[in-house]
C-alpha cells in the first residue's frame, strides 16, 4: 500500500523535484552525478508514497544531452519495463 504524505491528516498530491547531478542546468565539469541505483531508488521512494518524480536534465550548449544523463535514463527505462507494474 502507498504511504501517502499527509497534511492535517489528509493525503495530499505532491511531487519530488530532483536533478541527475548537483546542478539544475548543464554543467560540463559536474562530478556529483547520481548513480542509476540512486535514481531508481528515488523513483521507488517517491511513487510508493503517492508522489510524482520530476527529474531535471539540461541539454549542453549544442542542444544535446550528456551521455551520463542518457545512460541513466536508459537504465531507468529498462527498470520501468521490467518492474513498473510493481510501483504503479
PDB file of N, CA and C in Angstrom:
ATOM      1  N   UNK A   1       0.840  -1.195   0.000  1.00  0.00           N
ATOM      2  CA  UNK A   1       0.000   0.000   0.000  1.00  0.00           C
ATOM      3  C   UNK A   1       0.872   1.242   0.000  1.00  0.00           C
ATOM      4  N   UNK A   2       0.336   2.293  -0.527  1.00  0.00           N
ATOM      5  CA  UNK A   2       1.071   3.551  -0.562  1.00  0.00           C
ATOM      6  C   UNK A   2       1.075   4.218   0.804  1.00  0.00           C
ATOM      7  N   UNK A   3       2.164   4.880   1.109  1.00  0.00           N
ATOM      8  CA  UNK A   3       2.278   5.670   2.328  1.00  0.00           C
ATOM      9  C   UNK A   3       2.139   7.131   1.933  1.00  0.00           C
ATOM     10  N   UNK A   4       0.919   7.609   1.808  1.00  0.00           N
ATOM     11  CA  UNK A   4       0.674   8.974   1.357  1.00  0.00           C
ATOM     12  C   UNK A   4       1.261   9.987   2.322  1.00  0.00           C
ATOM     13  N   UNK A   5       1.766  11.079   1.776  1.00  0.00           N
ATOM     14  CA  UNK A   5       2.167  12.223   2.585  1.00  0.00           C
ATOM     15  C   UNK A   5       0.880  12.884   3.045  1.00  0.00           C
ATOM     16  N   UNK A   6       0.824  13.270   4.313  1.00  0.00           N
ATOM     17  CA  UNK A   6      -0.411  13.853   4.843  1.00  0.00           C
ATOM     18  C   UNK A   6      -0.164  15.250   5.390  1.00  0.00           C
ATOM     19  N   UNK A   7      -1.143  16.109   5.194  1.00  0.00           N
ATOM     20  CA  UNK A   7      -1.168  17.448   5.769  1.00  0.00           C
ATOM     21  C   UNK A   7      -2.503  17.563   6.479  1.00  0.00           C
ATOM     22  N   UNK A   8      -2.468  17.932   7.748  1.00  0.00           N
ATOM     23  CA  UNK A   8      -3.688  17.997   8.557  1.00  0.00           C
ATOM     24  C   UNK A   8      -4.457  16.683   8.511  1.00  0.00           C
ATOM     25  N   UNK A   9      -3.728  15.565   8.464  1.00  0.00           N
ATOM     26  CA  UNK A   9      -4.341  14.250   8.489  1.00  0.00           C
ATOM     27  C   UNK A   9      -4.920  13.760   7.176  1.00  0.00           C
ATOM     28  N   UNK A  10      -4.801  14.566   6.110  1.00  0.00           N
ATOM     29  CA  UNK A  10      -5.362  14.169   4.812  1.00  0.00           C
ATOM     30  C   UNK A  10      -4.242  13.957   3.797  1.00  0.00           C
ATOM     31  N   UNK A  11      -4.387  12.938   2.933  1.00  0.00           N
ATOM     32  CA  UNK A  11      -3.374  12.727   1.891  1.00  0.00           C
ATOM     33  C   UNK A  11      -3.351  13.896   0.909  1.00  0.00           C
ATOM     34  N   UNK A  12      -2.164  14.267   0.482  1.00  0.00           N
ATOM     35  CA  UNK A  12      -2.026  15.387  -0.455  1.00  0.00           C
ATOM     36  C   UNK A  12      -1.253  14.950  -1.696  1.00  0.00           C
ATOM     37  N   UNK A  13      -1.507  15.646  -2.791  1.00  0.00           N
ATOM     38  CA  UNK A  13      -0.765  15.436  -4.029  1.00  0.00           C
ATOM     39  C   UNK A  13       0.585  16.129  -3.873  1.00  0.00           C
ATOM     40  N   UNK A  14       1.657  15.455  -4.236  1.00  0.00           N
ATOM     41  CA  UNK A  14       2.980  16.066  -4.112  1.00  0.00           C
ATOM     42  C   UNK A  14       3.915  15.533  -5.188  1.00  0.00           C
ATOM     43  N   UNK A  15       5.010  16.270  -5.363  1.00  0.00           N
ATOM     44  CA  UNK A  15       5.995  15.921  -6.379  1.00  0.00           C
ATOM     45  C   UNK A  15       7.387  16.168  -5.823  1.00  0.00           C
ATOM     46  N   UNK A  16       8.293  15.237  -6.070  1.00  0.00           N
ATOM     47  CA  UNK A  16       9.696  15.391  -5.700  1.00  0.00           C
ATOM     48  C   UNK A  16      10.454  15.852  -6.939  1.00  0.00           C
ATOM     49  N   UNK A  17      11.173  16.953  -6.824  1.00  0.00           N
ATOM     50  CA  UNK A  17      11.937  17.504  -7.948  1.00  0.00           C
ATOM     51  C   UNK A  17      13.422  17.293  -7.678  1.00  0.00           C
ATOM     52  N   UNK A  18      14.065  16.518  -8.522  1.00  0.00           N
ATOM     53  CA  UNK A  18      15.479  16.184  -8.343  1.00  0.00           C
ATOM     54  C   UNK A  18      16.258  16.445  -9.626  1.00  0.00           C
ATOM     55  N   UNK A  19      17.568  16.505  -9.465  1.00  0.00           N
ATOM     56  CA  UNK A  19      18.474  16.634 -10.599  1.00  0.00           C
ATOM     57  C   UNK A  19      19.255  15.330 -10.757  1.00  0.00           C
ATOM     58  N   UNK A  20      19.825  15.143 -11.915  1.00  0.00           N
ATOM     59  CA  UNK A  20      20.697  13.993 -12.136  1.00  0.00           C
ATOM     60  C   UNK A  20      22.047  14.216 -11.461  1.00  0.00           C
ATOM     61  N   UNK A  21      22.402  15.475 -11.315  1.00  0.00           N
ATOM     62  CA  UNK A  21      23.683  15.828 -10.704  1.00  0.00           C
ATOM     63  C   UNK A  21      23.428  16.924  -9.675  1.00  0.00           C
ATOM     64  N   UNK A  22      24.446  17.684  -9.346  1.00  0.00           N
ATOM     65  CA  UNK A  22      24.293  18.732  -8.352  1.00  0.00           C
ATOM     66  C   UNK A  22      23.843  20.058  -8.920  1.00  0.00           C
ATOM     67  N   UNK A  23      23.462  20.105 -10.179  1.00  0.00           N
ATOM     68  CA  UNK A  23      23.098  21.373 -10.816  1.00  0.00           C
ATOM     69  C   UNK A  23      21.758  21.253 -11.536  1.00  0.00           C
ATOM     70  N   UNK A  24      21.015  22.360 -11.588  1.00  0.00           N
ATOM     71  CA  UNK A  24      19.734  22.378 -12.293  1.00  0.00           C
ATOM     72  C   UNK A  24      19.918  22.609 -13.784  1.00  0.00           C
ATOM     73  N   UNK A  25      21.060  23.112 -14.181  1.00  0.00           N
ATOM     74  CA  UNK A  25      21.366  23.288 -15.592  1.00  0.00           C
ATOM     75  C   UNK A  25      22.563  22.430 -15.952  1.00  0.00           C
ATOM     76  N   UNK A  26      22.880  22.363 -17.234  1.00  0.00           N
ATOM     77  CA  UNK A  26      24.010  21.547 -17.660  1.00  0.00           C
ATOM     78  C   UNK A  26      25.312  22.160 -17.174  1.00  0.00           C
ATOM     79  N   UNK A  27      26.164  21.330 -16.607  1.00  0.00           N
ATOM     80  CA  UNK A  27      27.487  21.728 -16.124  1.00  0.00           C
ATOM     81  C   UNK A  27      28.479  20.694 -16.634  1.00  0.00           C
ATOM     82  N   UNK A  28      29.274  21.046 -17.617  1.00  0.00           N
ATOM     83  CA  UNK A  28      30.198  20.090 -18.234  1.00  0.00           C
ATOM     84  C   UNK A  28      31.104  19.404 -17.214  1.00  0.00           C
ATOM     85  N   UNK A  29      31.587  20.151 -16.219  1.00  0.00           N
ATOM     86  CA  UNK A  29      32.551  19.607 -15.272  1.00  0.00           C
ATOM     87  C   UNK A  29      31.920  19.069 -13.990  1.00  0.00           C
ATOM     88  N   UNK A  30      30.611  18.966 -13.956  1.00  0.00           N
ATOM     89  CA  UNK A  30      29.921  18.453 -12.763  1.00  0.00           C
ATOM     90  C   UNK A  30      30.332  17.006 -12.512  1.00  0.00           C
ATOM     91  N   UNK A  31      30.683  16.711 -11.260  1.00  0.00           N
ATOM     92  CA  UNK A  31      31.158  15.356 -10.952  1.00  0.00           C
ATOM     93  C   UNK A  31      30.268  14.618  -9.948  1.00  0.00           C
ATOM     94  N   UNK A  32      29.192  15.239  -9.519  1.00  0.00           N
ATOM     95  CA  UNK A  32      28.359  14.609  -8.485  1.00  0.00           C
ATOM     96  C   UNK A  32      27.097  13.962  -9.054  1.00  0.00           C
ATOM     97  N   UNK A  33      27.228  13.295 -10.189  1.00  0.00           N
ATOM     98  CA  UNK A  33      26.075  12.640 -10.810  1.00  0.00           C
ATOM     99  C   UNK A  33      25.575  11.498  -9.936  1.00  0.00           C
ATOM    100  N   UNK A  34      24.256  11.396  -9.802  1.00  0.00           N
ATOM    101  CA  UNK A  34      23.658  10.294  -9.046  1.00  0.00           C
ATOM    102  C   UNK A  34      23.797   9.007  -9.867  1.00  0.00           C
ATOM    103  N   UNK A  35      23.971   7.917  -9.156  1.00  0.00           N
ATOM    104  CA  UNK A  35      24.088   6.623  -9.842  1.00  0.00           C
ATOM    105  C   UNK A  35      22.711   6.171 -10.328  1.00  0.00           C
ATOM    106  N   UNK A  36      22.718   5.203 -11.223  1.00  0.00           N
ATOM    107  CA  UNK A  36      21.462   4.627 -11.708  1.00  0.00           C
ATOM    108  C   UNK A  36      20.660   4.069 -10.542  1.00  0.00           C
ATOM    109  N   UNK A  37      21.349   3.415  -9.619  1.00  0.00           N
ATOM    110  CA  UNK A  37      20.682   2.833  -8.458  1.00  0.00           C
ATOM    111  C   UNK A  37      20.042   3.911  -7.588  1.00  0.00           C
ATOM    112  N   UNK A  38      20.745   5.030  -7.373  1.00  0.00           N
ATOM    113  CA  UNK A  38      20.185   6.124  -6.573  1.00  0.00           C
ATOM    114  C   UNK A  38      18.933   6.694  -7.223  1.00  0.00           C
ATOM    115  N   UNK A  39      18.961   6.877  -8.523  1.00  0.00           N
ATOM    116  CA  UNK A  39      17.817   7.444  -9.231  1.00  0.00           C
ATOM    117  C   UNK A  39      16.620   6.497  -9.200  1.00  0.00           C
ATOM    118  N   UNK A  40      16.853   5.216  -9.383  1.00  0.00           N
ATOM    119  CA  UNK A  40      15.760   4.245  -9.329  1.00  0.00           C
ATOM    120  C   UNK A  40      15.183   4.184  -7.919  1.00  0.00           C
ATOM    121  N   UNK A  41      16.040   4.226  -6.908  1.00  0.00           N
ATOM    122  CA  UNK A  41      15.551   4.220  -5.529  1.00  0.00           C
ATOM    123  C   UNK A  41      14.730   5.476  -5.241  1.00  0.00           C
ATOM    124  N   UNK A  42      15.135   6.614  -5.783  1.00  0.00           N
ATOM    125  CA  UNK A  42      14.374   7.854  -5.617  1.00  0.00           C
ATOM    126  C   UNK A  42      13.004   7.721  -6.270  1.00  0.00           C
ATOM    127  N   UNK A  43      12.947   7.108  -7.440  1.00  0.00           N
ATOM    128  CA  UNK A  43      11.673   6.859  -8.115  1.00  0.00           C
ATOM    129  C   UNK A  43      10.776   5.968  -7.259  1.00  0.00           C
ATOM    130  N   UNK A  44      11.311   4.869  -6.789  1.00  0.00           N
ATOM    131  CA  UNK A  44      10.532   3.934  -5.969  1.00  0.00           C
ATOM    132  C   UNK A  44      10.024   4.631  -4.715  1.00  0.00           C
ATOM    133  N   UNK A  45      10.896   5.357  -4.048  1.00  0.00           N
ATOM    134  CA  UNK A  45      10.529   6.043  -2.809  1.00  0.00           C
ATOM    135  C   UNK A  45       9.416   7.060  -3.047  1.00  0.00           C
ATOM    136  N   UNK A  46       9.525   7.823  -4.114  1.00  0.00           N
ATOM    137  CA  UNK A  46       8.516   8.847  -4.413  1.00  0.00           C
ATOM    138  C   UNK A  46       7.167   8.226  -4.747  1.00  0.00           C
ATOM    139  N   UNK A  47       7.166   7.274  -5.654  1.00  0.00           N
ATOM    140  CA  UNK A  47       5.909   6.682  -6.118  1.00  0.00           C
ATOM    141  C   UNK A  47       5.246   5.856  -5.018  1.00  0.00           C
ATOM    142  N   UNK A  48       6.038   5.147  -4.217  1.00  0.00           N
ATOM    143  CA  UNK A  48       5.457   4.312  -3.163  1.00  0.00           C
ATOM    144  C   UNK A  48       4.772   5.141  -2.089  1.00  0.00           C
ATOM    145  N   UNK A  49       5.091   6.426  -2.027  1.00  0.00           N
ATOM    146  CA  UNK A  49       4.462   7.323  -1.050  1.00  0.00           C
ATOM    147  C   UNK A  49       3.416   8.214  -1.700  1.00  0.00           C
ATOM    148  N   UNK A  50       2.998   7.834  -2.901  1.00  0.00           N
ATOM    149  CA  UNK A  50       1.921   8.550  -3.571  1.00  0.00           C
ATOM    150  C   UNK A  50       2.352   9.775  -4.338  1.00  0.00           C
ATOM    151  N   UNK A  51       3.643   9.983  -4.491  1.00  0.00           N
ATOM    152  CA  UNK A  51       4.135  11.179  -5.167  1.00  0.00           C
ATOM    153  C   UNK A  51       4.513  10.944  -6.616  1.00  0.00           C
ATOM    154  N   UNK A  52       4.860  12.030  -7.252  1.00  0.00           N
ATOM    155  CA  UNK A  52       5.347  12.029  -8.627  1.00  0.00           C
ATOM    156  C   UNK A  52       6.821  12.412  -8.577  1.00  0.00           C
ATOM    157  N   UNK A  53       7.622  11.902  -9.484  1.00  0.00           N
ATOM    158  CA  UNK A  53       9.041  12.259  -9.542  1.00  0.00           C
ATOM    159  C   UNK A  53       9.320  13.051 -10.804  1.00  0.00           C
ATOM    160  N   UNK A  54       9.880  14.230 -10.623  1.00  0.00           N
ATOM    161  CA  UNK A  54      10.325  15.064 -11.733  1.00  0.00           C
ATOM    162  C   UNK A  54      11.848  15.061 -11.709  1.00  0.00           C
ATOM    163  N   UNK A  55      12.473  14.594 -12.785  1.00  0.00           N
ATOM    164  CA  UNK A  55      13.933  14.595 -12.891  1.00  0.00           C
ATOM    165  C   UNK A  55      14.354  15.632 -13.916  1.00  0.00           C
ATOM    166  N   UNK A  56      15.164  16.561 -13.486  1.00  0.00           N
ATOM    167  CA  UNK A  56      15.645  17.612 -14.374  1.00  0.00           C
ATOM    168  C   UNK A  56      16.888  17.141 -15.120  1.00  0.00           C
ATOM    169  N   UNK A  57      16.893  17.367 -16.409  1.00  0.00           N
ATOM    170  CA  UNK A  57      18.091  17.112 -17.212  1.00  0.00           C
ATOM    171  C   UNK A  57      18.203  18.251 -18.217  1.00  0.00           C
ATOM    172  N   UNK A  58      19.354  18.899 -18.232  1.00  0.00           N
ATOM    173  CA  UNK A  58      19.535  20.037 -19.127  1.00  0.00           C
ATOM    174  C   UNK A  58      20.427  19.691 -20.304  1.00  0.00           C
ATOM    175  N   UNK A  59      20.134  20.233 -21.470  1.00  0.00           N
ATOM    176  CA  UNK A  59      20.969  19.972 -22.642  1.00  0.00           C
ATOM    177  C   UNK A  59      22.281  20.756 -22.582  1.00  0.00           C
ATOM    178  N   UNK A  60      23.238  20.299 -23.344  1.00  0.00           N
ATOM    179  CA  UNK A  60      24.509  21.009 -23.472  1.00  0.00           C
ATOM    180  C   UNK A  60      24.278  22.286 -24.276  1.00  0.00           C
ATOM    181  N   UNK A  61      25.311  23.082 -24.423  1.00  0.00           N
ATOM    182  CA  UNK A  61      25.223  24.292 -25.231  1.00  0.00           C
ATOM    183  C   UNK A  61      24.932  24.003 -26.694  1.00  0.00           C
ATOM    184  N   UNK A  62      25.161  22.783 -27.128  1.00  0.00           N
ATOM    185  CA  UNK A  62      24.873  22.372 -28.515  1.00  0.00           C
ATOM    186  C   UNK A  62      23.485  21.744 -28.660  1.00  0.00           C
ATOM    187  N   UNK A  63      22.721  21.745 -27.549  1.00  0.00           N
ATOM    188  CA  UNK A  63      21.367  21.214 -27.602  1.00  0.00           C
ATOM    189  C   UNK A  63      21.266  19.705 -27.500  1.00  0.00           C
ATOM    190  N   UNK A  64      22.337  19.062 -27.069  1.00  0.00           N
ATOM    191  CA  UNK A  64      22.346  17.604 -26.926  1.00  0.00           C
ATOM    192  C   UNK A  64      22.348  17.244 -25.447  1.00  0.00           C
ATOM    193  N   UNK A  65      21.974  16.011 -25.148  1.00  0.00           N
ATOM    194  CA  UNK A  65      22.022  15.559 -23.766  1.00  0.00           C
ATOM    195  C   UNK A  65      23.325  14.822 -23.508  1.00  0.00           C
ATOM    196  N   UNK A  66      23.884  15.058 -22.339  1.00  0.00           N
ATOM    197  CA  UNK A  66      25.116  14.424 -21.904  1.00  0.00           C
ATOM    198  C   UNK A  66      24.920  12.904 -21.861  1.00  0.00           C
ATOM    199  N   UNK A  67      25.940  12.181 -22.263  1.00  0.00           N
ATOM    200  CA  UNK A  67      25.870  10.718 -22.274  1.00  0.00           C
ATOM    201  C   UNK A  67      25.569  10.160 -20.883  1.00  0.00           C
ATOM    202  N   UNK A  68      26.034  10.838 -19.829  1.00  0.00           N
ATOM    203  CA  UNK A  68      25.749  10.365 -18.466  1.00  0.00           C
ATOM    204  C   UNK A  68      24.250  10.385 -18.193  1.00  0.00           C
ATOM    205  N   UNK A  69      23.573  11.429 -18.650  1.00  0.00           N
ATOM    206  CA  UNK A  69      22.118  11.508 -18.471  1.00  0.00           C
ATOM    207  C   UNK A  69      21.421  10.456 -19.321  1.00  0.00           C
ATOM    208  N   UNK A  70      21.849  10.314 -20.558  1.00  0.00           N
ATOM    209  CA  UNK A  70      21.216   9.342 -21.453  1.00  0.00           C
ATOM    210  C   UNK A  70      21.345   7.915 -20.929  1.00  0.00           C
ATOM    211  N   UNK A  71      22.509   7.565 -20.403  1.00  0.00           N
ATOM    212  CA  UNK A  71      22.690   6.198 -19.898  1.00  0.00           C
ATOM    213  C   UNK A  71      21.817   5.949 -18.674  1.00  0.00           C
ATOM    214  N   UNK A  72      21.654   6.967 -17.840  1.00  0.00           N
ATOM    215  CA  UNK A  72      20.802   6.806 -16.661  1.00  0.00           C
ATOM    216  C   UNK A  72      19.328   6.719 -17.051  1.00  0.00           C
ATOM    217  N   UNK A  73      18.917   7.539 -18.006  1.00  0.00           N
ATOM    218  CA  UNK A  73      17.536   7.468 -18.492  1.00  0.00           C
ATOM    219  C   UNK A  73      17.251   6.098 -19.105  1.00  0.00           C
ATOM    220  N   UNK A  74      18.211   5.578 -19.850  1.00  0.00           N
ATOM    221  CA  UNK A  74      18.044   4.256 -20.456  1.00  0.00           C
ATOM    222  C   UNK A  74      17.894   3.189 -19.378  1.00  0.00           C
ATOM    223  N   UNK A  75      18.720   3.252 -18.347  1.00  0.00           N
ATOM    224  CA  UNK A  75      18.632   2.277 -17.253  1.00  0.00           C
ATOM    225  C   UNK A  75      17.298   2.373 -16.529  1.00  0.00           C
ATOM    226  N   UNK A  76      16.836   3.599 -16.308  1.00  0.00           N
ATOM    227  CA  UNK A  76      15.546   3.777 -15.641  1.00  0.00           C
ATOM    228  C   UNK A  76      14.416   3.236 -16.517  1.00  0.00           C
ATOM    229  N   UNK A  77      14.514   3.456 -17.818  1.00  0.00           N
ATOM    230  CA  UNK A  77      13.509   2.926 -18.739  1.00  0.00           C
ATOM    231  C   UNK A  77      13.482   1.409 -18.732  1.00  0.00           C
ATOM    232  N   UNK A  78      14.660   0.792 -18.712  1.00  0.00           N
ATOM    233  CA  UNK A  78      14.737  -0.667 -18.651  1.00  0.00           C
ATOM    234  C   UNK A  78      14.136  -1.181 -17.351  1.00  0.00           C
ATOM    235  N   UNK A  79      14.439  -0.493 -16.246  1.00  0.00           N
ATOM    236  CA  UNK A  79      13.879  -0.895 -14.957  1.00  0.00           C
ATOM    237  C   UNK A  79      12.357  -0.781 -14.989  1.00  0.00           C
ATOM    238  N   UNK A  80      11.847   0.310 -15.566  1.00  0.00           N
ATOM    239  CA  UNK A  80      10.399   0.518 -15.645  1.00  0.00           C
ATOM    240  C   UNK A  80       9.729  -0.561 -16.498  1.00  0.00           C
ATOM    241  N   UNK A  81      10.355  -0.951 -17.596  1.00  0.00           N
ATOM    242  CA  UNK A  81       9.777  -2.008 -18.432  1.00  0.00           C
ATOM    243  C   UNK A  81       9.655  -3.323 -17.657  1.00  0.00           C
ATOM    244  N   UNK A  82      10.633  -3.600 -16.833  1.00  0.00           N
ATOM    245  CA  UNK A  82      10.624  -4.851 -16.070  1.00  0.00           C
ATOM    246  C   UNK A  82       9.754  -4.785 -14.817  1.00  0.00           C
ATOM    247  N   UNK A  83       9.796  -3.640 -14.119  1.00  0.00           N
ATOM    248  CA  UNK A  83       9.211  -3.579 -12.777  1.00  0.00           C
ATOM    249  C   UNK A  83       8.150  -2.501 -12.580  1.00  0.00           C
ATOM    250  N   UNK A  84       7.846  -1.746 -13.597  1.00  0.00           N
ATOM    251  CA  UNK A  84       6.919  -0.622 -13.454  1.00  0.00           C
ATOM    252  C   UNK A  84       5.576  -0.993 -12.846  1.00  0.00           C
ATOM    253  N   UNK A  85       5.071  -2.166 -13.180  1.00  0.00           N
ATOM    254  CA  UNK A  85       3.771  -2.586 -12.629  1.00  0.00           C
ATOM    255  C   UNK A  85       3.815  -2.724 -11.119  1.00  0.00           C
ATOM    256  N   UNK A  86       4.997  -2.935 -10.561  1.00  0.00           N
ATOM    257  CA  UNK A  86       5.101  -3.118  -9.109  1.00  0.00           C
ATOM    258  C   UNK A  86       4.959  -1.810  -8.342  1.00  0.00           C
ATOM    259  N   UNK A  87       5.127  -0.680  -9.011  1.00  0.00           N
ATOM    260  CA  UNK A  87       5.015   0.592  -8.296  1.00  0.00           C
ATOM    261  C   UNK A  87       3.863   1.450  -8.783  1.00  0.00           C
ATOM    262  N   UNK A  88       3.207   1.059  -9.875  1.00  0.00           N
ATOM    263  CA  UNK A  88       2.069   1.840 -10.383  1.00  0.00           C
ATOM    264  C   UNK A  88       0.812   1.015 -10.353  1.00  0.00           C
TER     265      UNK A  88
END
